[in-house]
Protein backbone atom coordinates (compact mmCIF):
# COMPACT_ATOMS: atom_id res chain seq x y z
CA MET A 1 -32.71 68.14 -25.62
CA PRO A 2 -33.84 65.23 -27.85
CA SER A 3 -30.69 65.47 -30.01
CA PHE A 4 -28.57 65.02 -26.84
CA ARG A 5 -30.35 61.74 -26.04
CA PHE A 6 -29.99 60.61 -29.62
CA ARG A 7 -26.23 61.24 -29.45
CA ASP A 8 -25.97 59.19 -26.22
CA ALA A 9 -27.99 56.34 -27.71
CA TYR A 10 -25.92 56.41 -30.89
CA GLY A 11 -22.68 56.25 -28.87
CA ALA A 12 -23.97 53.36 -26.78
CA VAL A 13 -25.02 51.40 -29.86
CA ALA A 14 -21.66 52.08 -31.53
CA ALA A 15 -19.77 50.92 -28.42
CA LEU A 16 -21.91 47.78 -28.19
CA ALA A 17 -21.36 46.98 -31.88
CA ALA A 18 -17.60 47.44 -31.49
CA ALA A 19 -17.53 45.14 -28.45
CA ILE A 20 -19.49 42.46 -30.31
CA LEU A 21 -17.14 42.67 -33.29
CA LEU A 22 -14.10 42.33 -31.03
CA LEU A 23 -15.45 39.45 -28.96
CA ALA A 24 -17.22 37.46 -31.68
CA PRO A 25 -14.13 35.78 -33.16
CA ALA A 26 -12.91 34.76 -29.71
CA ALA A 27 -16.24 33.27 -28.73
CA ALA A 28 -16.89 31.58 -32.06
CA GLY A 29 -14.22 28.93 -31.61
CA ALA A 30 -11.04 30.58 -30.61
CA ALA A 31 -8.16 28.78 -32.22
CA CYS A 32 -5.51 27.53 -29.87
CA LEU A 33 -2.47 29.55 -30.76
CA ILE A 34 -0.04 27.40 -28.75
CA CYS A 35 -1.39 23.97 -29.69
CA ASP A 36 0.64 21.56 -31.78
CA GLU A 37 -0.50 21.09 -35.34
CA VAL A 38 1.66 18.16 -36.50
CA VAL A 39 2.20 15.02 -34.45
CA GLU A 40 4.84 12.37 -34.98
CA LEU A 41 4.52 9.27 -32.84
CA ASP A 42 6.01 5.82 -32.66
CA GLY A 43 4.09 2.73 -31.57
CA VAL A 44 4.95 3.21 -27.89
CA ARG A 45 3.79 6.82 -27.75
CA ALA A 46 0.65 6.02 -29.76
CA LYS A 47 -0.25 3.23 -27.33
CA CYS A 48 0.38 5.56 -24.38
CA PHE A 49 -1.85 8.23 -25.93
CA ARG A 50 -4.65 5.71 -26.43
CA GLN A 51 -4.33 4.42 -22.84
CA ASP A 52 -4.47 7.89 -21.27
CA TYR A 53 -6.83 9.47 -23.81
CA GLU A 54 -9.74 9.82 -21.37
CA LYS A 55 -7.47 11.52 -18.81
CA PHE A 56 -6.16 13.99 -21.42
CA LEU A 57 -9.68 14.70 -22.66
CA SER A 58 -10.97 15.24 -19.13
CA THR A 59 -8.13 17.67 -18.45
CA ALA A 60 -8.90 19.64 -21.60
CA ARG A 61 -12.61 19.77 -20.83
CA SER A 62 -12.04 21.02 -17.29
CA ALA A 63 -9.40 23.60 -18.24
CA GLU A 64 -10.46 27.20 -18.65
CA THR A 65 -8.70 27.35 -22.04
CA SER A 66 -9.85 23.86 -23.14
CA ASN A 67 -6.20 22.92 -23.66
CA ALA A 68 -4.29 20.01 -22.20
CA GLU A 69 -0.63 19.14 -22.01
CA VAL A 70 -0.18 15.59 -23.27
CA ASP A 71 2.95 14.18 -21.69
CA LEU A 72 3.91 10.79 -23.09
CA SER A 73 7.41 10.75 -21.58
CA ALA A 74 6.60 8.25 -18.82
CA CYS A 75 5.50 5.63 -21.33
CA ALA A 76 8.26 6.46 -23.79
CA GLY A 77 10.97 6.10 -21.17
CA ASP A 78 12.49 9.52 -21.67
CA ASP A 79 12.84 12.45 -19.32
CA GLY A 80 10.20 14.61 -21.01
CA ARG A 81 12.69 17.26 -22.09
CA GLU A 82 11.68 17.72 -25.67
CA ARG A 83 12.98 20.01 -28.30
CA ARG A 84 10.22 22.39 -29.34
CA GLY A 85 11.33 24.43 -32.29
CA LEU A 86 13.77 23.70 -35.04
CA ASP A 87 15.62 20.41 -35.29
CA ARG A 88 19.35 20.37 -35.69
CA MET A 89 20.45 21.01 -39.22
CA PRO A 90 21.20 17.64 -40.77
CA GLY A 91 24.56 16.99 -42.32
CA LEU A 92 24.94 16.01 -45.93
CA LEU A 93 24.30 12.30 -46.23
CA PRO A 94 24.78 9.90 -49.09
CA PRO A 95 21.58 9.03 -50.96
CA GLY A 96 19.42 6.48 -49.17
CA ARG A 97 20.55 7.28 -45.63
CA GLU A 98 18.09 10.15 -45.06
CA SER A 99 15.25 7.86 -43.99
CA THR A 100 17.34 5.95 -41.43
CA VAL A 101 18.52 9.18 -39.84
CA ARG A 102 14.94 10.48 -39.67
CA ASN A 103 13.80 7.33 -37.86
CA GLN A 104 16.68 7.57 -35.39
CA ARG A 105 16.06 11.16 -34.34
CA GLU A 106 14.39 11.75 -31.04
CA LEU A 107 10.64 12.15 -31.03
CA ARG A 108 8.87 14.67 -28.88
CA SER A 109 6.97 13.33 -25.92
CA VAL A 110 5.08 16.44 -24.82
CA TYR A 111 2.38 18.11 -26.87
CA ILE A 112 -0.29 20.71 -26.24
CA PHE A 113 -3.73 20.03 -27.70
CA ASP A 114 -7.17 21.52 -27.46
CA GLU A 115 -10.20 19.29 -27.02
CA ALA A 116 -11.00 19.08 -30.74
CA SER A 117 -7.42 18.10 -31.61
CA LEU A 118 -7.41 15.37 -28.95
CA VAL A 119 -10.60 13.86 -30.36
CA CYS A 120 -9.30 14.12 -33.92
CA LEU A 121 -5.91 12.56 -33.11
CA LYS A 122 -7.67 9.66 -31.39
CA ARG A 123 -9.84 9.20 -34.48
CA LEU A 124 -6.77 9.33 -36.77
CA LEU A 125 -4.88 6.80 -34.65
CA ASP A 126 -7.86 4.45 -34.52
CA GLY A 127 -8.30 4.68 -38.29
CA HIS A 128 -4.61 4.28 -39.13
CA GLU A 129 -3.76 1.02 -40.84
CA GLY A 130 -0.31 -0.40 -40.53
CA THR A 131 2.58 0.27 -38.23
CA ILE A 132 2.90 3.61 -36.51
CA ASP A 133 6.47 4.75 -36.85
CA PRO A 134 8.10 8.20 -36.79
CA SER A 135 7.73 8.56 -40.56
CA VAL A 136 3.93 8.76 -40.09
CA ARG A 137 2.90 12.38 -39.59
CA PHE A 138 -0.54 13.34 -38.36
CA ASP A 139 -1.31 16.86 -39.64
CA LEU A 140 -4.14 17.97 -37.39
CA VAL A 141 -4.83 21.16 -39.32
CA GLU A 142 -5.26 19.31 -42.60
CA ASN A 143 -6.94 16.15 -41.31
CA CYS A 144 -9.20 17.66 -38.67
CA LYS A 145 -11.07 20.26 -40.65
CA PRO A 146 -14.66 20.61 -39.44
């Protein structure tokens, strides 16, 4: 009879250990798999982000997933239909024209951030010296390491 109890206890401990191993990574700071990692803003979108930062942060904090959709389209004067994914393939341009084409392309106005990324982007924008134009890229993965 004692070996039967030992087998039950061993199975329960093994099941508990497996559950802890499966849930530990999720509880230890689950990475947002749908959040944006690189942000390109112009001065208008950066100003809009700064103005509505508290609202975005409050939304992220109250969300079950701690994520918030940051929609800057109202301030940017566009319709909010952004192009998530690959940009159009650029044509071959003469040397020197690449930078002007890059600045003329449409910027995204809708991003998805988690709470940590919102705080980090605000810190990066506040610490940025100079003009914010589309050539400035904020890499949240690289610049927001804990």
